[in-house]
N, C-alpha and C. Protein backbone atom coordinates (compact mmCIF):
# COMPACT_ATOMS: atom_id res chain seq x y z
N MET A 1 35.41 -32.42 17.15
CA MET A 1 35.79 -33.73 16.88
C MET A 1 35.92 -33.91 15.32
N ALA A 2 37.29 -34.44 14.74
CA ALA A 2 37.45 -34.50 13.68
C ALA A 2 37.02 -35.92 12.99
N ARG A 3 36.82 -35.93 11.57
CA ARG A 3 36.46 -37.10 10.84
C ARG A 3 37.58 -37.23 9.97
N LEU A 4 37.91 -38.51 9.62
CA LEU A 4 38.82 -38.93 8.41
C LEU A 4 37.96 -39.04 7.18
N LYS A 5 38.54 -38.60 6.26
CA LYS A 5 37.84 -38.81 4.66
C LYS A 5 38.54 -39.83 4.02
N LYS A 6 37.78 -40.73 3.45
CA LYS A 6 38.45 -41.84 2.81
C LYS A 6 38.33 -41.74 1.31
N SER A 7 39.20 -41.51 0.49
CA SER A 7 39.32 -41.00 -0.97
C SER A 7 39.92 -42.11 -1.62
N ASN A 8 39.59 -42.46 -2.74
CA ASN A 8 40.23 -43.31 -3.66
C ASN A 8 41.45 -42.78 -4.28
N ALA A 9 41.13 -41.48 -4.65
CA ALA A 9 42.32 -40.67 -5.48
C ALA A 9 43.66 -40.59 -4.43
N ASP A 10 43.34 -40.21 -3.15
CA ASP A 10 44.37 -39.96 -2.35
C ASP A 10 44.45 -41.09 -1.18
N ALA A 11 45.57 -41.51 -1.11
CA ALA A 11 45.78 -42.51 0.11
C ALA A 11 45.91 -42.16 1.31
N SER A 12 46.37 -40.91 1.52
CA SER A 12 46.28 -40.54 3.05
C SER A 12 44.98 -40.17 3.44
N ASN A 13 44.81 -40.14 4.77
CA ASN A 13 43.28 -39.91 5.52
C ASN A 13 43.65 -38.46 6.14
N LEU A 14 43.08 -37.42 5.66
CA LEU A 14 43.01 -35.97 6.06
C LEU A 14 42.00 -35.84 6.91
N PRO A 15 42.10 -35.04 8.23
CA PRO A 15 40.95 -34.99 8.97
C PRO A 15 40.12 -33.64 8.16
N VAL A 16 38.54 -34.13 8.24
CA VAL A 16 37.95 -33.03 7.57
C VAL A 16 36.96 -32.57 8.55
N THR A 17 36.44 -31.12 8.53
CA THR A 17 35.62 -30.58 9.62
C THR A 17 34.18 -31.09 9.13
N ARG A 18 33.40 -30.81 9.94
CA ARG A 18 31.88 -30.98 9.87
C ARG A 18 31.39 -30.18 8.82
N SER A 19 31.72 -29.01 8.60
CA SER A 19 30.96 -28.08 7.63
C SER A 19 31.52 -28.47 6.23
N GLN A 20 32.93 -29.01 6.17
CA GLN A 20 33.42 -29.31 4.77
C GLN A 20 32.68 -30.66 4.33
N THR A 21 32.03 -31.46 5.30
CA THR A 21 31.29 -32.80 4.78
C THR A 21 29.90 -32.29 4.32
N SER A 22 29.19 -31.38 5.10
CA SER A 22 27.84 -30.88 4.67
C SER A 22 28.04 -30.24 3.41
N LEU A 23 29.17 -29.38 3.24
CA LEU A 23 29.17 -28.76 2.00
C LEU A 23 29.48 -29.61 0.63
N THR A 24 30.28 -30.65 1.03
CA THR A 24 30.48 -31.79 -0.24
C THR A 24 29.20 -32.55 -0.41
N ARG A 25 28.27 -32.81 0.38
CA ARG A 25 26.99 -33.59 0.54
C ARG A 25 25.81 -32.73 -0.26
N ALA A 26 26.01 -31.17 0.14
CA ALA A 26 25.11 -30.33 -0.58
C ALA A 26 25.44 -30.38 -2.04
N THR A 27 26.80 -30.24 -2.20
CA THR A 27 27.01 -30.05 -3.76
C THR A 27 26.82 -31.23 -4.49
N ASN A 28 27.05 -32.49 -3.91
CA ASN A 28 26.56 -33.78 -4.27
C ASN A 28 24.87 -33.99 -4.65
N ALA A 29 24.58 -33.33 -3.64
CA ALA A 29 22.79 -33.34 -3.82
C ALA A 29 22.21 -32.49 -4.96
N VAL A 30 23.13 -31.42 -5.24
CA VAL A 30 22.73 -30.46 -6.34
C VAL A 30 23.04 -31.07 -7.77
N THR A 31 24.17 -31.74 -7.39
CA THR A 31 24.59 -32.21 -8.91
C THR A 31 23.81 -33.31 -9.41
N LYS A 32 23.23 -34.11 -8.21
CA LYS A 32 22.36 -35.38 -8.69
C LYS A 32 20.97 -34.79 -8.98
N ALA A 33 20.55 -33.94 -8.50
CA ALA A 33 19.06 -33.61 -8.67
C ALA A 33 18.71 -33.04 -10.14
N PRO A 34 17.53 -33.79 -10.61
CA PRO A 34 17.19 -33.45 -11.80
C PRO A 34 16.83 -31.83 -12.23
N ALA A 35 17.25 -31.43 -13.32
CA ALA A 35 16.97 -30.13 -13.71
C ALA A 35 15.43 -29.72 -13.82
N GLN A 36 14.97 -28.72 -13.01
CA GLN A 36 13.70 -28.66 -13.04
C GLN A 36 13.31 -27.41 -13.89
N PRO A 37 12.33 -27.17 -14.40
CA PRO A 37 12.01 -26.03 -15.27
C PRO A 37 11.88 -24.86 -14.56
N GLN A 38 12.34 -23.50 -15.06
CA GLN A 38 12.56 -22.35 -14.51
C GLN A 38 10.94 -21.79 -14.20
N SER A 39 10.69 -21.55 -13.04
CA SER A 39 9.21 -21.21 -12.53
C SER A 39 9.05 -19.77 -13.31
N LYS A 40 8.03 -19.55 -13.43
CA LYS A 40 7.62 -18.00 -13.87
C LYS A 40 7.23 -17.18 -12.82
N SER A 41 8.06 -16.54 -12.10
CA SER A 41 7.95 -15.72 -11.21
C SER A 41 7.58 -14.24 -11.74
N SER A 42 7.21 -13.34 -10.55
CA SER A 42 6.90 -11.74 -11.42
C SER A 42 8.65 -11.11 -10.95
N THR A 43 9.61 -11.74 -10.51
CA THR A 43 10.69 -11.00 -10.59
C THR A 43 11.90 -11.81 -11.02
N PHE A 44 12.84 -11.32 -11.48
CA PHE A 44 14.07 -11.95 -11.91
C PHE A 44 15.44 -11.08 -11.56
N ARG A 45 16.35 -11.51 -11.91
CA ARG A 45 17.84 -10.67 -11.66
C ARG A 45 18.31 -10.45 -13.12
N ASP A 46 18.63 -9.26 -13.11
CA ASP A 46 19.41 -8.75 -14.56
C ASP A 46 20.73 -9.24 -14.50
N SER A 47 21.45 -8.76 -15.72
CA SER A 47 22.98 -9.04 -15.84
C SER A 47 23.75 -8.56 -14.41
N ALA A 48 23.24 -7.20 -13.85
CA ALA A 48 24.16 -6.72 -12.84
C ALA A 48 23.67 -7.35 -11.31
N GLY A 49 22.58 -8.40 -11.47
CA GLY A 49 22.30 -9.06 -10.32
C GLY A 49 21.20 -8.06 -9.55
N LYS A 50 20.73 -7.02 -10.28
CA LYS A 50 19.76 -6.45 -9.54
C LYS A 50 18.51 -6.95 -9.69
N LYS A 51 17.48 -6.62 -8.66
CA LYS A 51 16.28 -7.29 -8.65
C LYS A 51 15.31 -6.76 -9.64
N ARG A 52 14.66 -7.25 -10.73
CA ARG A 52 13.76 -6.49 -11.56
C ARG A 52 12.63 -7.11 -11.63
N TYR A 53 11.31 -6.43 -11.83
CA TYR A 53 10.02 -7.06 -11.96
C TYR A 53 9.80 -7.26 -13.33
N ARG A 54 8.92 -8.26 -13.58
CA ARG A 54 8.48 -8.39 -15.20
C ARG A 54 7.61 -7.54 -15.54
N PRO A 55 7.41 -7.13 -16.77
CA PRO A 55 6.41 -5.97 -17.05
C PRO A 55 5.12 -6.19 -16.88
N GLY A 56 4.35 -5.42 -16.11
CA GLY A 56 2.95 -5.44 -15.61
C GLY A 56 2.87 -6.08 -14.10
N ALA A 57 4.04 -6.67 -13.50
CA ALA A 57 3.86 -7.03 -12.24
C ALA A 57 3.70 -5.99 -11.24
N ARG A 58 4.35 -5.05 -11.36
CA ARG A 58 4.25 -3.77 -10.33
C ARG A 58 3.25 -3.12 -10.65
N ALA A 59 2.61 -3.04 -11.70
CA ALA A 59 1.44 -2.39 -11.79
C ALA A 59 -0.05 -3.21 -11.33
N LEU A 60 -0.01 -4.54 -11.24
CA LEU A 60 -0.89 -5.42 -10.67
C LEU A 60 -0.74 -5.31 -9.20
N LYS A 61 0.67 -5.33 -8.74
CA LYS A 61 0.60 -5.14 -7.17
C LYS A 61 0.20 -3.91 -6.63
N GLU A 62 0.49 -2.78 -7.49
CA GLU A 62 0.00 -1.30 -7.14
C GLU A 62 -1.85 -1.54 -7.25
N ILE A 63 -2.28 -2.13 -8.23
CA ILE A 63 -3.68 -2.21 -8.27
C ILE A 63 -4.17 -2.92 -6.99
N ARG A 64 -3.80 -4.04 -6.91
CA ARG A 64 -4.10 -4.68 -5.49
C ARG A 64 -4.10 -3.87 -4.25
N HIS A 65 -2.89 -3.25 -4.06
CA HIS A 65 -2.77 -2.29 -2.78
C HIS A 65 -3.84 -1.29 -2.79
N TYR A 66 -4.18 -0.61 -3.79
CA TYR A 66 -5.23 0.25 -3.74
C TYR A 66 -6.51 -0.12 -3.81
N GLN A 67 -6.64 -1.49 -4.11
CA GLN A 67 -8.23 -1.87 -3.98
C GLN A 67 -8.21 -2.26 -2.67
N ARG A 68 -7.24 -2.56 -1.97
CA ARG A 68 -7.32 -3.22 -0.68
C ARG A 68 -7.55 -2.11 0.22
N GLY A 69 -6.98 -0.75 -0.02
CA GLY A 69 -6.97 0.27 1.09
C GLY A 69 -8.35 1.11 0.80
N THR A 70 -8.73 1.75 1.96
CA THR A 70 -9.92 2.54 1.99
C THR A 70 -9.40 4.25 2.16
N GLY A 71 -8.60 4.39 1.89
CA GLY A 71 -8.00 5.83 2.29
C GLY A 71 -8.21 6.56 0.94
N LEU A 72 -7.96 7.76 0.87
CA LEU A 72 -8.30 8.71 -0.06
C LEU A 72 -6.86 8.65 -0.85
N LEU A 73 -7.04 8.74 -2.22
CA LEU A 73 -5.85 8.63 -3.29
C LEU A 73 -5.34 10.00 -3.53
N ILE A 74 -6.19 10.96 -3.44
CA ILE A 74 -5.36 12.36 -3.88
C ILE A 74 -4.83 13.17 -2.53
N PRO A 75 -3.89 13.55 -2.34
CA PRO A 75 -2.89 14.17 -1.07
C PRO A 75 -4.06 15.31 -0.70
N ARG A 76 -4.24 15.52 0.82
CA ARG A 76 -5.28 16.58 1.11
C ARG A 76 -4.83 17.86 0.77
N SER A 77 -3.57 18.31 1.05
CA SER A 77 -3.35 19.72 0.82
C SER A 77 -3.23 20.05 -0.58
N PRO A 78 -2.86 19.47 -1.61
CA PRO A 78 -3.19 19.91 -3.00
C PRO A 78 -4.72 20.02 -3.34
N PHE A 79 -5.43 19.11 -2.71
CA PHE A 79 -6.78 19.22 -3.16
C PHE A 79 -7.42 20.23 -2.77
N ALA A 80 -7.11 20.58 -1.26
CA ALA A 80 -7.67 22.00 -0.72
C ALA A 80 -7.14 23.17 -1.15
N ARG A 81 -6.08 23.23 -1.79
CA ARG A 81 -5.52 24.24 -2.77
C ARG A 81 -6.30 24.38 -4.08
N ILE A 82 -6.60 23.32 -4.53
CA ILE A 82 -7.40 23.59 -5.84
C ILE A 82 -8.71 24.02 -5.48
N ILE A 83 -9.39 23.44 -4.49
CA ILE A 83 -10.85 23.96 -4.01
C ILE A 83 -10.80 25.51 -3.78
N ARG A 84 -9.84 25.72 -3.06
CA ARG A 84 -10.03 27.17 -2.70
C ARG A 84 -9.62 28.16 -3.90
N GLN A 85 -8.85 27.44 -4.77
CA GLN A 85 -8.47 28.49 -5.93
C GLN A 85 -9.72 28.63 -6.81
N ILE A 86 -10.38 27.41 -7.19
CA ILE A 86 -11.85 27.38 -7.99
C ILE A 86 -12.69 28.30 -7.15
N SER A 87 -12.99 28.34 -5.70
CA SER A 87 -13.81 28.90 -5.15
C SER A 87 -13.52 30.55 -5.12
N GLU A 88 -12.27 30.89 -5.08
CA GLU A 88 -12.11 32.21 -5.17
C GLU A 88 -12.36 33.02 -6.76
N GLU A 89 -12.21 32.07 -7.65
CA GLU A 89 -12.36 32.28 -9.20
C GLU A 89 -13.99 32.51 -9.30
N LEU A 90 -14.83 31.66 -8.60
CA LEU A 90 -16.24 31.75 -8.69
C LEU A 90 -16.77 32.91 -7.63
N ALA A 91 -16.20 32.97 -6.66
CA ALA A 91 -16.69 34.05 -5.69
C ALA A 91 -16.16 35.44 -5.85
N GLY A 92 -15.29 35.69 -6.83
CA GLY A 92 -14.64 36.79 -6.77
C GLY A 92 -13.51 36.83 -5.85
N HIS A 93 -13.14 38.28 -5.56
CA HIS A 93 -11.91 38.28 -4.43
C HIS A 93 -12.21 37.88 -3.12
N SER A 94 -13.56 37.64 -2.89
CA SER A 94 -13.81 37.63 -1.16
C SER A 94 -13.09 35.98 -0.91
N THR A 95 -12.77 35.98 0.20
CA THR A 95 -12.00 34.54 0.53
C THR A 95 -13.23 33.89 1.26
N LEU A 96 -13.30 32.46 0.82
CA LEU A 96 -14.17 31.64 1.59
C LEU A 96 -13.58 30.65 2.36
N ARG A 97 -13.92 30.37 3.49
CA ARG A 97 -13.36 29.23 4.33
C ARG A 97 -14.21 27.93 4.50
N PHE A 98 -13.30 27.01 4.38
CA PHE A 98 -13.84 25.53 4.38
C PHE A 98 -13.58 24.91 5.51
N THR A 99 -14.44 23.90 6.26
CA THR A 99 -14.09 23.13 7.36
C THR A 99 -13.35 22.03 6.85
N ALA A 100 -12.65 21.25 7.63
CA ALA A 100 -12.05 20.09 7.49
C ALA A 100 -13.09 18.90 6.80
N GLU A 101 -14.14 18.81 7.61
CA GLU A 101 -15.19 17.71 6.98
C GLU A 101 -15.75 18.13 5.55
N ALA A 102 -15.80 19.34 5.47
CA ALA A 102 -16.44 19.84 4.01
C ALA A 102 -15.51 19.51 2.88
N LEU A 103 -14.06 19.76 3.07
CA LEU A 103 -13.02 19.39 2.24
C LEU A 103 -13.05 18.01 1.91
N GLU A 104 -13.19 17.38 3.23
CA GLU A 104 -13.02 15.70 2.92
C GLU A 104 -14.23 15.01 2.33
N CYS A 105 -15.28 15.76 2.41
CA CYS A 105 -16.59 15.47 1.69
C CYS A 105 -16.64 15.75 0.26
N LEU A 106 -15.88 16.68 -0.15
CA LEU A 106 -15.76 17.24 -1.58
C LEU A 106 -14.78 16.14 -2.16
N GLN A 107 -13.73 15.89 -1.44
CA GLN A 107 -12.69 14.81 -1.94
C GLN A 107 -13.14 13.73 -2.23
N VAL A 108 -14.15 13.22 -1.27
CA VAL A 108 -14.48 11.69 -1.45
C VAL A 108 -15.52 11.63 -2.57
N ALA A 109 -16.33 13.00 -2.80
CA ALA A 109 -17.22 12.92 -3.93
C ALA A 109 -16.56 12.95 -5.22
N ALA A 110 -15.33 13.72 -5.20
CA ALA A 110 -14.37 13.88 -6.51
C ALA A 110 -13.83 12.72 -6.66
N GLU A 111 -13.51 11.86 -5.89
CA GLU A 111 -12.57 10.62 -6.22
C GLU A 111 -13.62 9.64 -6.45
N ALA A 112 -14.74 9.49 -6.12
CA ALA A 112 -15.75 8.52 -6.55
C ALA A 112 -16.13 8.91 -8.00
N VAL A 113 -16.20 10.03 -8.44
CA VAL A 113 -16.52 10.63 -9.71
C VAL A 113 -15.41 10.04 -10.74
N ILE A 114 -14.16 10.16 -10.28
CA ILE A 114 -12.94 10.06 -10.96
C ILE A 114 -12.69 8.43 -11.21
N VAL A 115 -13.14 7.73 -9.98
CA VAL A 115 -13.04 6.05 -10.13
C VAL A 115 -14.22 5.73 -11.05
N GLN A 116 -15.45 6.29 -11.14
CA GLN A 116 -16.25 5.87 -11.79
C GLN A 116 -15.89 6.02 -13.18
N LEU A 117 -15.38 7.14 -13.66
CA LEU A 117 -15.01 7.50 -15.04
C LEU A 117 -14.05 6.51 -15.54
N PHE A 118 -13.09 6.24 -14.68
CA PHE A 118 -11.96 5.41 -15.05
C PHE A 118 -12.69 3.76 -15.16
N GLN A 119 -13.66 3.50 -14.70
CA GLN A 119 -14.21 1.99 -14.65
C GLN A 119 -14.87 2.11 -15.91
N ASP A 120 -15.76 3.06 -16.10
CA ASP A 120 -16.62 3.24 -17.59
C ASP A 120 -15.61 3.26 -18.80
N SER A 121 -14.44 3.90 -18.48
CA SER A 121 -13.41 4.12 -19.68
C SER A 121 -12.75 2.60 -19.97
N VAL A 122 -12.60 1.99 -19.01
CA VAL A 122 -12.06 0.56 -19.18
C VAL A 122 -13.03 -0.36 -19.85
N LEU A 123 -14.55 -0.27 -19.62
CA LEU A 123 -15.51 -0.81 -20.30
C LEU A 123 -15.41 -0.58 -21.63
N THR A 124 -15.38 0.71 -21.96
CA THR A 124 -15.25 0.84 -23.34
C THR A 124 -13.91 0.57 -24.06
N MET A 125 -13.00 0.60 -23.42
CA MET A 125 -11.59 0.05 -23.91
C MET A 125 -11.77 -1.52 -24.14
N LEU A 126 -12.42 -2.22 -23.18
CA LEU A 126 -12.38 -3.66 -23.51
C LEU A 126 -13.71 -3.91 -24.58
N ASN A 127 -14.60 -3.11 -24.73
CA ASN A 127 -15.52 -3.01 -25.94
C ASN A 127 -15.02 -3.06 -27.08
N ALA A 128 -13.98 -2.19 -27.45
CA ALA A 128 -13.02 -1.95 -28.73
C ALA A 128 -11.93 -2.87 -28.80
N LYS A 129 -11.91 -4.08 -27.92
CA LYS A 129 -10.93 -4.98 -27.85
C LYS A 129 -9.63 -4.44 -28.03
N ARG A 130 -9.13 -3.67 -27.03
CA ARG A 130 -7.88 -3.00 -26.90
C ARG A 130 -7.36 -3.22 -25.37
N LEU A 131 -5.99 -3.31 -25.17
CA LEU A 131 -5.48 -3.47 -24.02
C LEU A 131 -4.92 -2.23 -23.29
N THR A 132 -4.99 -1.09 -24.23
CA THR A 132 -4.50 0.15 -23.76
C THR A 132 -5.66 1.09 -23.55
N LEU A 133 -5.72 1.89 -22.35
CA LEU A 133 -6.63 2.96 -22.30
C LEU A 133 -6.24 4.17 -22.71
N MET A 134 -7.22 4.75 -23.74
CA MET A 134 -6.80 5.87 -24.61
C MET A 134 -7.73 7.01 -24.02
N VAL A 135 -7.38 8.41 -24.47
CA VAL A 135 -8.16 9.51 -24.06
C VAL A 135 -9.34 9.44 -24.65
N ARG A 136 -9.57 9.04 -25.85
CA ARG A 136 -10.76 8.92 -26.49
C ARG A 136 -11.74 7.90 -26.01
N ASP A 137 -11.24 7.02 -25.13
CA ASP A 137 -12.50 6.09 -24.42
C ASP A 137 -12.94 7.05 -23.05
N MET A 138 -12.24 7.83 -22.67
CA MET A 138 -12.59 8.72 -21.59
C MET A 138 -13.66 9.78 -22.29
N GLN A 139 -13.10 10.27 -23.33
CA GLN A 139 -14.12 11.15 -24.13
C GLN A 139 -15.23 10.81 -24.51
N VAL A 140 -15.36 9.39 -24.91
CA VAL A 140 -16.44 8.70 -25.17
C VAL A 140 -17.66 8.62 -23.97
N VAL A 141 -17.03 8.14 -22.84
CA VAL A 141 -17.52 8.01 -21.64
C VAL A 141 -18.37 9.23 -21.21
N ARG A 142 -17.50 10.38 -21.17
CA ARG A 142 -17.87 11.74 -20.73
C ARG A 142 -19.18 12.18 -21.56
N ARG A 143 -19.20 11.89 -22.88
CA ARG A 143 -20.27 12.32 -23.77
C ARG A 143 -21.40 11.51 -23.47
N ILE A 144 -21.43 10.16 -23.11
CA ILE A 144 -22.55 9.76 -22.80
C ILE A 144 -23.04 9.81 -21.40
N GLN A 145 -21.95 10.44 -20.62
CA GLN A 145 -22.64 10.65 -19.19
C GLN A 145 -23.39 12.04 -19.30
N ALA A 146 -22.90 12.97 -20.24
CA ALA A 146 -23.39 14.12 -20.46
C ALA A 146 -25.03 14.01 -20.95
N CYS A 147 -25.23 13.04 -21.63
CA CYS A 147 -26.76 12.70 -22.29
C CYS A 147 -27.58 12.59 -21.07
N PHE A 148 -27.04 11.77 -19.85
CA PHE A 148 -28.32 11.51 -18.74
C PHE A 148 -28.31 12.45 -17.90
């Protein structure tokens, strides 16, 4: 069903489709709406139209992702390779065999030590009133842990 559009500038009545009227209503609503301040979201578009994240937004998203999960952070096969290499150096040329449970137990313990080291290093960084974690923070923590 066609509608007739009444216009002051044009004396003739031309049929207008339903999509055209909704389009003109939408553009009128947009032009009449007051300008709202731009919200601070974690993403924005650059000049090429590509989606870009604000500095630090991806890091915070990644931190939340890893804090939510309970899985291991280090891949299993590289960790197993390192354990076998270290055990060969310590035991000489004899090859040692490990069960999957033993490797998993070693990996859980190693990741717990690494996470604790990072947590203590962040506390040292905050104590120095800095926002950047530095190698010297980790060195201080390791020296303090060696005393106990």
